[in-house]
Amino acid sequence: MIERDEGYLRTPDGESIWYETAGRGCPLFLAHGLGGNAAVWYQQVPFFATRYRIITWDQRGFGRSSNLSGNVGPSSAASDQLLLMDHLGIDSAHLVGQSMGGWAVLGAALGSPRRVRSLVLACSTAGIPPLEEPPFDPDLIGASTGVRPLGVHPAIGERLPSIDPARAYLYQALGTFGDRPPDGEFARMLAGTMHDPDAVGDLDIPTLLISGSDDPVMTSARVRDASRRLPRAQVVELAGRGHSPYFEDPAGWNDLVDDFLRSLEAP
């Protein structure tokens, strides 16, 4: 039986940030993307909790976390990531960020690099200024489409609804919980948040960047371009996958991340 706990972090500006911990071992944080909340990691938590202390959390305005101050976005998410580590008494941890979550974990690493054992930036340029590729287009995420058909969402593409419509609908439903700005407004916040390239270049942290070959938002070319600014980066492209391989193809994604983490433990 895997031990589990949950609670709320009270931030200095009065927000309540919901979190969950499961398992024992080296801490491993999972930061969700714009299309969901902590529950989207349901296919990862049981897998990794057998070897790690897994911490998932709802970013401000998502899921069970509050948005009383209106101070939402990538900067507050990075601060909350570090506050959550303090709250849980965690000196250092592995940080995983999916899409929007990449801004949270890379921002935390830039704020306190000694506390980050490794980074996984999954389908995310994470606010790294591009070298040659154009920045991602926020309209691909936030274009107004009204109420989408059952199971349709830009973050999961066309493959998942065709092979598993129930899971595609679950993803679509998870993204509706919370009190946050619309996708388009949030996507523009992300697109407008770029980190200092010199600070990124100074990060001496093992980093895995994951891309999906069919991702129209954080394209493989954009992810590879971002990786060139990181001194200890490796990139893996998942063929035939879109913007959310962790949800679409959890077995392949889990094994990839697990292999990366195990490689850091090797003598």
C-alpha atoms as a PDB file:
ATOM      1  CA  MET A   1       0.000   0.000   0.000  1.00  0.00           C
ATOM      2  CA  ILE A   2       1.364   3.424  -0.990  1.00  0.00           C
ATOM      3  CA  GLU A   3       1.096   6.160   1.621  1.00  0.00           C
ATOM      4  CA  ARG A   4      -0.671   9.328   0.537  1.00  0.00           C
ATOM      5  CA  ASP A   5      -1.306  12.766   2.012  1.00  0.00           C
ATOM      6  CA  GLU A   6      -2.854  16.023   0.848  1.00  0.00           C
ATOM      7  CA  GLY A   7      -3.216  19.564   2.077  1.00  0.00           C
ATOM      8  CA  TYR A   8      -3.042  23.252   1.292  1.00  0.00           C
ATOM      9  CA  LEU A   9      -0.162  25.686   1.170  1.00  0.00           C
ATOM     10  CA  ARG A  10      -1.139  29.179   2.298  1.00  0.00           C
ATOM     11  CA  THR A  11       0.855  31.713   0.309  1.00  0.00           C
ATOM     12  CA  PRO A  12       1.950  35.144   1.619  1.00  0.00           C
ATOM     13  CA  ASP A  13      -0.604  36.839  -0.648  1.00  0.00           C
ATOM     14  CA  GLY A  14      -3.474  34.766   0.720  1.00  0.00           C
ATOM     15  CA  GLU A  15      -3.893  31.981  -1.832  1.00  0.00           C
ATOM     16  CA  SER A  16      -4.546  28.319  -0.997  1.00  0.00           C
ATOM     17  CA  ILE A  17      -2.513  25.925  -3.132  1.00  0.00           C
ATOM     18  CA  TRP A  18      -3.727  22.319  -3.049  1.00  0.00           C
ATOM     19  CA  TYR A  19      -1.151  19.534  -3.155  1.00  0.00           C
ATOM     20  CA  GLU A  20      -0.921  15.782  -2.812  1.00  0.00           C
ATOM     21  CA  THR A  21       2.016  13.554  -1.879  1.00  0.00           C
ATOM     22  CA  ALA A  22       2.272   9.810  -2.482  1.00  0.00           C
ATOM     23  CA  GLY A  23       5.006   7.276  -1.857  1.00  0.00           C
ATOM     24  CA  ARG A  24       8.467   7.493  -0.366  1.00  0.00           C
ATOM     25  CA  GLY A  25      11.891   8.234  -1.754  1.00  0.00           C
ATOM     26  CA  CYS A  26      13.539  11.120  -3.553  1.00  0.00           C
ATOM     27  CA  PRO A  27      10.990  13.920  -4.126  1.00  0.00           C
ATOM     28  CA  LEU A  28       9.588  14.222  -7.653  1.00  0.00           C
ATOM     29  CA  PHE A  29       7.247  17.115  -8.456  1.00  0.00           C
ATOM     30  CA  LEU A  30       4.823  17.066 -11.386  1.00  0.00           C
ATOM     31  CA  ALA A  31       3.564  20.463 -12.605  1.00  0.00           C
ATOM     32  CA  HIS A  32       0.510  20.270 -14.872  1.00  0.00           C
ATOM     33  CA  GLY A  33      -0.241  22.156 -18.060  1.00  0.00           C
ATOM     34  CA  LEU A  34      -2.916  24.632 -19.089  1.00  0.00           C
ATOM     35  CA  GLY A  35      -5.366  21.892 -20.038  1.00  0.00           C
ATOM     36  CA  GLY A  36      -5.875  20.397 -16.597  1.00  0.00           C
ATOM     37  CA  ASN A  37      -4.900  20.229 -12.948  1.00  0.00           C
ATOM     38  CA  ALA A  38      -3.112  17.772 -10.668  1.00  0.00           C
ATOM     39  CA  ALA A  39      -5.590  15.016 -11.536  1.00  0.00           C
ATOM     40  CA  VAL A  40      -4.242  14.771 -15.108  1.00  0.00           C
ATOM     41  CA  TRP A  41      -1.258  12.892 -13.643  1.00  0.00           C
ATOM     42  CA  TYR A  42      -3.423   9.915 -12.648  1.00  0.00           C
ATOM     43  CA  GLN A  43      -1.471   7.670 -15.027  1.00  0.00           C
ATOM     44  CA  GLN A  44       1.888   8.784 -13.591  1.00  0.00           C
ATOM     45  CA  VAL A  45       1.369   8.931  -9.817  1.00  0.00           C
ATOM     46  CA  PRO A  46       0.869   5.169  -9.182  1.00  0.00           C
ATOM     47  CA  PHE A  47       3.800   4.354 -11.480  1.00  0.00           C
ATOM     48  CA  PHE A  48       6.375   6.691  -9.958  1.00  0.00           C
ATOM     49  CA  ALA A  49       5.162   6.486  -6.343  1.00  0.00           C
ATOM     50  CA  THR A  50       6.688   3.010  -6.039  1.00  0.00           C
ATOM     51  CA  ARG A  51      10.178   4.608  -6.112  1.00  0.00           C
ATOM     52  CA  TYR A  52       9.728   8.317  -5.431  1.00  0.00           C
ATOM     53  CA  ARG A  53       7.863  10.694  -3.193  1.00  0.00           C
ATOM     54  CA  ILE A  54       5.514  12.151  -5.799  1.00  0.00           C
ATOM     55  CA  ILE A  55       4.087  15.630  -5.292  1.00  0.00           C
ATOM     56  CA  THR A  56       1.360  16.944  -7.558  1.00  0.00           C
ATOM     57  CA  TRP A  57      -0.313  20.308  -7.122  1.00  0.00           C
ATOM     58  CA  ASP A  58      -2.945  22.567  -8.616  1.00  0.00           C
ATOM     59  CA  GLN A  59      -1.548  25.860  -9.872  1.00  0.00           C
ATOM     60  CA  ARG A  60      -3.374  29.036  -8.872  1.00  0.00           C
ATOM     61  CA  GLY A  61      -6.890  29.097 -10.265  1.00  0.00           C
ATOM     62  CA  PHE A  62      -6.743  25.464 -11.377  1.00  0.00           C
ATOM     63  CA  GLY A  63      -8.567  22.582  -9.719  1.00  0.00           C
ATOM     64  CA  ARG A  64      -8.737  23.089  -5.955  1.00  0.00           C
ATOM     65  CA  SER A  65      -6.337  26.050  -5.694  1.00  0.00           C
ATOM     66  CA  SER A  66      -7.661  29.557  -5.194  1.00  0.00           C
ATOM     67  CA  ASN A  67      -7.346  32.678  -7.306  1.00  0.00           C
ATOM     68  CA  LEU A  68      -8.408  35.403  -4.904  1.00  0.00           C
ATOM     69  CA  SER A  69      -5.698  37.910  -5.732  1.00  0.00           C
ATOM     70  CA  GLY A  70      -5.744  37.479  -9.501  1.00  0.00           C
ATOM     71  CA  ASN A  71      -1.984  37.008  -9.324  1.00  0.00           C
ATOM     72  CA  VAL A  72      -1.882  34.006 -11.634  1.00  0.00           C
ATOM     73  CA  GLY A  73       0.640  33.131 -14.288  1.00  0.00           C
ATOM     74  CA  PRO A  74       4.131  31.750 -14.773  1.00  0.00           C
ATOM     75  CA  SER A  75       5.882  34.004 -12.251  1.00  0.00           C
ATOM     76  CA  SER A  76       3.595  33.147  -9.342  1.00  0.00           C
ATOM     77  CA  ALA A  77       3.693  29.470 -10.342  1.00  0.00           C
ATOM     78  CA  ALA A  78       7.494  29.410 -10.076  1.00  0.00           C
ATOM     79  CA  SER A  79       7.329  31.076  -6.665  1.00  0.00           C
ATOM     80  CA  ASP A  80       4.639  28.662  -5.496  1.00  0.00           C
ATOM     81  CA  GLN A  81       6.778  25.707  -6.599  1.00  0.00           C
ATOM     82  CA  LEU A  82       9.575  26.833  -4.277  1.00  0.00           C
ATOM     83  CA  LEU A  83       7.153  27.717  -1.467  1.00  0.00           C
ATOM     84  CA  LEU A  84       5.683  24.238  -1.707  1.00  0.00           C
ATOM     85  CA  MET A  85       9.143  22.710  -1.336  1.00  0.00           C
ATOM     86  CA  ASP A  86       9.662  24.839   1.777  1.00  0.00           C
ATOM     87  CA  HIS A  87       6.270  23.878   3.147  1.00  0.00           C
ATOM     88  CA  LEU A  88       7.015  20.169   2.743  1.00  0.00           C
ATOM     89  CA  GLY A  89      10.545  20.445   4.116  1.00  0.00           C
ATOM     90  CA  ILE A  90      12.143  19.388   0.827  1.00  0.00           C
ATOM     91  CA  ASP A  91      15.673  20.648   0.251  1.00  0.00           C
ATOM     92  CA  SER A  92      16.005  19.395  -3.347  1.00  0.00           C
ATOM     93  CA  ALA A  93      13.893  17.506  -5.854  1.00  0.00           C
ATOM     94  CA  HIS A  94      13.413  16.412  -9.445  1.00  0.00           C
ATOM     95  CA  LEU A  95      10.990  18.779 -11.218  1.00  0.00           C
ATOM     96  CA  VAL A  96       8.759  17.809 -14.143  1.00  0.00           C
ATOM     97  CA  GLY A  97       6.705  20.393 -16.039  1.00  0.00           C
ATOM     98  CA  GLN A  98       4.203  19.698 -18.785  1.00  0.00           C
ATOM     99  CA  SER A  99       3.697  22.572 -21.256  1.00  0.00           C
ATOM    100  CA  MET A 100       2.640  25.477 -19.000  1.00  0.00           C
ATOM    101  CA  GLY A 101       4.176  23.583 -16.096  1.00  0.00           C
ATOM    102  CA  GLY A 102       7.554  23.970 -17.782  1.00  0.00           C
ATOM    103  CA  TRP A 103       7.426  27.691 -16.964  1.00  0.00           C
ATOM    104  CA  ALA A 104       6.815  26.840 -13.292  1.00  0.00           C
ATOM    105  CA  VAL A 105       9.667  24.368 -12.902  1.00  0.00           C
ATOM    106  CA  LEU A 106      12.243  26.214 -15.009  1.00  0.00           C
ATOM    107  CA  GLY A 107      11.365  29.442 -13.207  1.00  0.00           C
ATOM    108  CA  ALA A 108      11.907  27.662  -9.880  1.00  0.00           C
ATOM    109  CA  ALA A 109      15.238  26.276 -11.104  1.00  0.00           C
ATOM    110  CA  LEU A 110      16.393  29.745 -12.138  1.00  0.00           C
ATOM    111  CA  GLY A 111      15.309  31.108  -8.775  1.00  0.00           C
ATOM    112  CA  SER A 112      17.053  28.425  -6.734  1.00  0.00           C
ATOM    113  CA  PRO A 113      19.186  26.132  -8.913  1.00  0.00           C
ATOM    114  CA  ARG A 114      20.804  24.261  -6.030  1.00  0.00           C
ATOM    115  CA  ARG A 115      17.426  22.865  -5.016  1.00  0.00           C
ATOM    116  CA  VAL A 116      16.768  21.187  -8.367  1.00  0.00           C
ATOM    117  CA  ARG A 117      18.275  17.750  -9.027  1.00  0.00           C
ATOM    118  CA  SER A 118      16.967  17.505 -12.576  1.00  0.00           C
ATOM    119  CA  LEU A 119      14.414  19.004 -14.916  1.00  0.00           C
ATOM    120  CA  VAL A 120      11.981  17.399 -17.342  1.00  0.00           C
ATOM    121  CA  LEU A 121      10.431  19.894 -19.756  1.00  0.00           C
ATOM    122  CA  ALA A 122       7.658  17.972 -21.474  1.00  0.00           C
ATOM    123  CA  CYS A 123       6.320  19.565 -24.659  1.00  0.00           C
ATOM    124  CA  SER A 124       7.417  22.936 -23.356  1.00  0.00           C
ATOM    125  CA  THR A 125       9.789  25.699 -24.339  1.00  0.00           C
ATOM    126  CA  ALA A 126       9.331  26.903 -20.747  1.00  0.00           C
ATOM    127  CA  GLY A 127      10.062  30.560 -21.437  1.00  0.00           C
ATOM    128  CA  ILE A 128      13.470  29.922 -23.038  1.00  0.00           C
ATOM    129  CA  PRO A 129      14.054  32.607 -25.687  1.00  0.00           C
ATOM    130  CA  PRO A 130      14.223  31.055 -29.155  1.00  0.00           C
ATOM    131  CA  LEU A 131      17.422  31.092 -31.150  1.00  0.00           C
ATOM    132  CA  GLU A 132      16.197  30.388 -34.690  1.00  0.00           C
ATOM    133  CA  GLU A 133      12.621  29.110 -34.454  1.00  0.00           C
ATOM    134  CA  PRO A 134       9.673  31.510 -34.102  1.00  0.00           C
ATOM    135  CA  PRO A 135       7.988  31.626 -30.681  1.00  0.00           C
ATOM    136  CA  PHE A 136       4.896  29.489 -30.269  1.00  0.00           C
ATOM    137  CA  ASP A 137       1.630  31.057 -31.398  1.00  0.00           C
ATOM    138  CA  PRO A 138      -0.740  31.464 -28.397  1.00  0.00           C
ATOM    139  CA  ASP A 139      -3.709  31.498 -30.783  1.00  0.00           C
ATOM    140  CA  LEU A 140      -3.126  27.780 -31.389  1.00  0.00           C
ATOM    141  CA  ILE A 141      -4.105  27.252 -27.756  1.00  0.00           C
ATOM    142  CA  GLY A 142      -6.583  30.004 -27.113  1.00  0.00           C
ATOM    143  CA  ALA A 143      -8.488  30.505 -30.331  1.00  0.00           C
ATOM    144  CA  SER A 144     -12.167  30.903 -29.537  1.00  0.00           C
ATOM    145  CA  THR A 145     -14.051  27.837 -30.706  1.00  0.00           C
ATOM    146  CA  GLY A 146     -17.109  27.915 -28.495  1.00  0.00           C
ATOM    147  CA  VAL A 147     -18.065  24.617 -26.905  1.00  0.00           C
ATOM    148  CA  ARG A 148     -15.869  21.967 -28.471  1.00  0.00           C
ATOM    149  CA  PRO A 149     -17.243  18.601 -29.631  1.00  0.00           C
ATOM    150  CA  LEU A 150     -16.993  15.687 -27.220  1.00  0.00           C
ATOM    151  CA  GLY A 151     -13.365  14.801 -26.494  1.00  0.00           C
ATOM    152  CA  VAL A 152     -11.862  17.481 -28.738  1.00  0.00           C
ATOM    153  CA  HIS A 153      -9.031  19.549 -27.286  1.00  0.00           C
ATOM    154  CA  PRO A 154      -5.971  21.134 -28.951  1.00  0.00           C
ATOM    155  CA  ALA A 155      -3.654  19.624 -26.335  1.00  0.00           C
ATOM    156  CA  ILE A 156      -4.474  16.010 -27.249  1.00  0.00           C
ATOM    157  CA  GLY A 157      -4.810  16.224 -31.023  1.00  0.00           C
ATOM    158  CA  GLU A 158      -6.799  13.811 -33.161  1.00  0.00           C
ATOM    159  CA  ARG A 159      -5.308  10.408 -32.332  1.00  0.00           C
ATOM    160  CA  LEU A 160      -6.595   9.938 -28.768  1.00  0.00           C
ATOM    161  CA  PRO A 161     -10.264  10.778 -29.490  1.00  0.00           C
ATOM    162  CA  SER A 162     -10.213   8.201 -32.299  1.00  0.00           C
ATOM    163  CA  ILE A 163      -8.718   5.353 -30.239  1.00  0.00           C
ATOM    164  CA  ASP A 164      -9.998   6.149 -26.735  1.00  0.00           C
ATOM    165  CA  PRO A 165     -12.884   8.644 -26.758  1.00  0.00           C
ATOM    166  CA  ALA A 166     -13.594   8.135 -23.048  1.00  0.00           C
ATOM    167  CA  ARG A 167     -10.089   9.163 -22.019  1.00  0.00           C
ATOM    168  CA  ALA A 168     -10.179  12.068 -24.475  1.00  0.00           C
ATOM    169  CA  TYR A 169     -13.405  13.238 -22.855  1.00  0.00           C
ATOM    170  CA  LEU A 170     -11.817  12.893 -19.407  1.00  0.00           C
ATOM    171  CA  TYR A 171      -8.994  15.200 -20.495  1.00  0.00           C
ATOM    172  CA  GLN A 172     -11.493  17.685 -21.871  1.00  0.00           C
ATOM    173  CA  ALA A 173     -13.493  17.616 -18.619  1.00  0.00           C
ATOM    174  CA  LEU A 174     -10.488  18.002 -16.320  1.00  0.00           C
ATOM    175  CA  GLY A 175      -9.631  21.306 -17.956  1.00  0.00           C
ATOM    176  CA  THR A 176     -12.941  22.864 -16.923  1.00  0.00           C
ATOM    177  CA  PHE A 177     -12.340  22.906 -13.161  1.00  0.00           C
ATOM    178  CA  GLY A 178     -11.059  26.036 -11.475  1.00  0.00           C
ATOM    179  CA  ASP A 179     -11.228  29.821 -11.501  1.00  0.00           C
ATOM    180  CA  ARG A 180      -8.604  31.106 -13.923  1.00  0.00           C
ATOM    181  CA  PRO A 181      -8.283  33.327 -17.000  1.00  0.00           C
ATOM    182  CA  PRO A 182      -9.388  31.875 -20.361  1.00  0.00           C
ATOM    183  CA  ASP A 183      -6.929  29.746 -22.318  1.00  0.00           C
ATOM    184  CA  GLY A 184      -6.137  32.558 -24.751  1.00  0.00           C
ATOM    185  CA  GLU A 185      -5.274  35.058 -22.028  1.00  0.00           C
ATOM    186  CA  PHE A 186      -3.153  32.526 -20.191  1.00  0.00           C
ATOM    187  CA  ALA A 187      -1.382  31.443 -23.368  1.00  0.00           C
ATOM    188  CA  ARG A 188      -0.468  35.070 -24.054  1.00  0.00           C
ATOM    189  CA  MET A 189       1.004  35.297 -20.530  1.00  0.00           C
ATOM    190  CA  LEU A 190       3.198  32.324 -21.300  1.00  0.00           C
ATOM    191  CA  ALA A 191       4.247  33.638 -24.698  1.00  0.00           C
ATOM    192  CA  GLY A 192       5.165  36.958 -23.093  1.00  0.00           C
ATOM    193  CA  THR A 193       7.290  35.425 -20.351  1.00  0.00           C
ATOM    194  CA  MET A 194      10.866  34.926 -21.516  1.00  0.00           C
ATOM    195  CA  HIS A 195      13.755  34.135 -19.175  1.00  0.00           C
ATOM    196  CA  ASP A 196      17.186  35.744 -19.313  1.00  0.00           C
ATOM    197  CA  PRO A 197      19.127  33.633 -21.851  1.00  0.00           C
ATOM    198  CA  ASP A 198      22.386  34.058 -19.921  1.00  0.00           C
ATOM    199  CA  ALA A 199      20.761  32.722 -16.749  1.00  0.00           C
ATOM    200  CA  VAL A 200      19.358  29.758 -18.682  1.00  0.00           C
ATOM    201  CA  GLY A 201      22.806  29.089 -20.123  1.00  0.00           C
ATOM    202  CA  ASP A 202      24.297  28.997 -16.625  1.00  0.00           C
ATOM    203  CA  LEU A 203      21.961  26.242 -15.371  1.00  0.00           C
ATOM    204  CA  ASP A 204      24.130  23.236 -14.571  1.00  0.00           C
ATOM    205  CA  ILE A 205      21.151  20.877 -14.198  1.00  0.00           C
ATOM    206  CA  PRO A 206      20.530  17.637 -16.132  1.00  0.00           C
ATOM    207  CA  THR A 207      17.507  18.340 -18.306  1.00  0.00           C
ATOM    208  CA  LEU A 208      15.344  16.089 -20.448  1.00  0.00           C
ATOM    209  CA  LEU A 209      13.174  17.784 -23.057  1.00  0.00           C
ATOM    210  CA  ILE A 210      10.350  15.695 -24.529  1.00  0.00           C
ATOM    211  CA  SER A 211       8.566  16.578 -27.750  1.00  0.00           C
ATOM    212  CA  GLY A 212       5.798  15.025 -29.805  1.00  0.00           C
ATOM    213  CA  SER A 213       6.363  14.811 -33.538  1.00  0.00           C
ATOM    214  CA  ASP A 214       2.735  15.835 -34.166  1.00  0.00           C
ATOM    215  CA  ASP A 215       2.619  18.672 -31.625  1.00  0.00           C
ATOM    216  CA  PRO A 216       1.448  21.825 -33.461  1.00  0.00           C
ATOM    217  CA  VAL A 217       2.084  24.143 -30.482  1.00  0.00           C
ATOM    218  CA  MET A 218       5.434  23.239 -28.936  1.00  0.00           C
ATOM    219  CA  THR A 219       6.771  21.711 -32.112  1.00  0.00           C
ATOM    220  CA  SER A 220       9.787  19.410 -32.048  1.00  0.00           C
ATOM    221  CA  ALA A 221      11.771  22.124 -33.821  1.00  0.00           C
ATOM    222  CA  ARG A 222      10.892  24.669 -31.122  1.00  0.00           C
ATOM    223  CA  VAL A 223      11.775  22.234 -28.337  1.00  0.00           C
ATOM    224  CA  ARG A 224      15.134  21.406 -29.928  1.00  0.00           C
ATOM    225  CA  ASP A 225      15.806  25.102 -30.432  1.00  0.00           C
ATOM    226  CA  ALA A 226      15.133  25.744 -26.726  1.00  0.00           C
ATOM    227  CA  SER A 227      17.403  22.864 -25.717  1.00  0.00           C
ATOM    228  CA  ARG A 228      20.392  24.573 -27.342  1.00  0.00           C
ATOM    229  CA  ARG A 229      20.441  27.177 -24.589  1.00  0.00           C
ATOM    230  CA  LEU A 230      20.696  24.539 -21.814  1.00  0.00           C
ATOM    231  CA  PRO A 231      24.208  23.203 -21.144  1.00  0.00           C
ATOM    232  CA  ARG A 232      23.121  19.720 -19.969  1.00  0.00           C
ATOM    233  CA  ALA A 233      20.108  19.036 -22.161  1.00  0.00           C
ATOM    234  CA  GLN A 234      18.971  15.970 -24.055  1.00  0.00           C
ATOM    235  CA  VAL A 235      15.935  15.825 -26.345  1.00  0.00           C
ATOM    236  CA  VAL A 236      13.700  12.860 -27.126  1.00  0.00           C
ATOM    237  CA  GLU A 237      10.978  13.078 -29.770  1.00  0.00           C
ATOM    238  CA  LEU A 238       8.013  10.718 -29.468  1.00  0.00           C
ATOM    239  CA  ALA A 239       6.864   9.735 -32.957  1.00  0.00           C
ATOM    240  CA  GLY A 240       3.192  10.105 -33.803  1.00  0.00           C
ATOM    241  CA  ARG A 241       2.361  11.875 -30.551  1.00  0.00           C
ATOM    242  CA  GLY A 242       0.881  15.315 -30.011  1.00  0.00           C
ATOM    243  CA  HIS A 243       1.091  17.908 -27.260  1.00  0.00           C
ATOM    244  CA  SER A 244       0.298  15.623 -24.318  1.00  0.00           C
ATOM    245  CA  PRO A 245       2.128  12.282 -24.685  1.00  0.00           C
ATOM    246  CA  TYR A 246       2.047  11.754 -20.907  1.00  0.00           C
ATOM    247  CA  PHE A 247      -1.747  11.467 -21.190  1.00  0.00           C
ATOM    248  CA  GLU A 248      -1.986   9.952 -24.643  1.00  0.00           C
ATOM    249  CA  ASP A 249       0.797   7.369 -24.270  1.00  0.00           C
ATOM    250  CA  PRO A 250       1.499   7.049 -20.538  1.00  0.00           C
ATOM    251  CA  ALA A 251       3.479   3.801 -20.719  1.00  0.00           C
ATOM    252  CA  GLY A 252       5.992   5.181 -23.212  1.00  0.00           C
ATOM    253  CA  TRP A 253       6.231   8.547 -21.463  1.00  0.00           C
ATOM    254  CA  ASN A 254       6.610   7.003 -18.002  1.00  0.00           C
ATOM    255  CA  ASP A 255       9.380   4.667 -19.156  1.00  0.00           C
ATOM    256  CA  LEU A 256      11.212   7.522 -20.850  1.00  0.00           C
ATOM    257  CA  VAL A 257      11.187   9.717 -17.744  1.00  0.00           C
ATOM    258  CA  ASP A 258      11.981   6.780 -15.475  1.00  0.00           C
ATOM    259  CA  ASP A 259      15.012   5.845 -17.592  1.00  0.00           C
ATOM    260  CA  PHE A 260      16.230   9.454 -17.436  1.00  0.00           C
ATOM    261  CA  LEU A 261      15.895   9.579 -13.654  1.00  0.00           C
ATOM    262  CA  ARG A 262      17.578   6.205 -13.215  1.00  0.00           C
ATOM    263  CA  SER A 263      20.489   7.350 -15.385  1.00  0.00           C
ATOM    264  CA  LEU A 264      21.163  10.117 -12.857  1.00  0.00           C
ATOM    265  CA  GLU A 265      21.482   7.537 -10.089  1.00  0.00           C
ATOM    266  CA  ALA A 266      24.052   5.460 -11.926  1.00  0.00           C
ATOM    267  CA  PRO A 267      27.572   5.514 -10.385  1.00  0.00           C
END
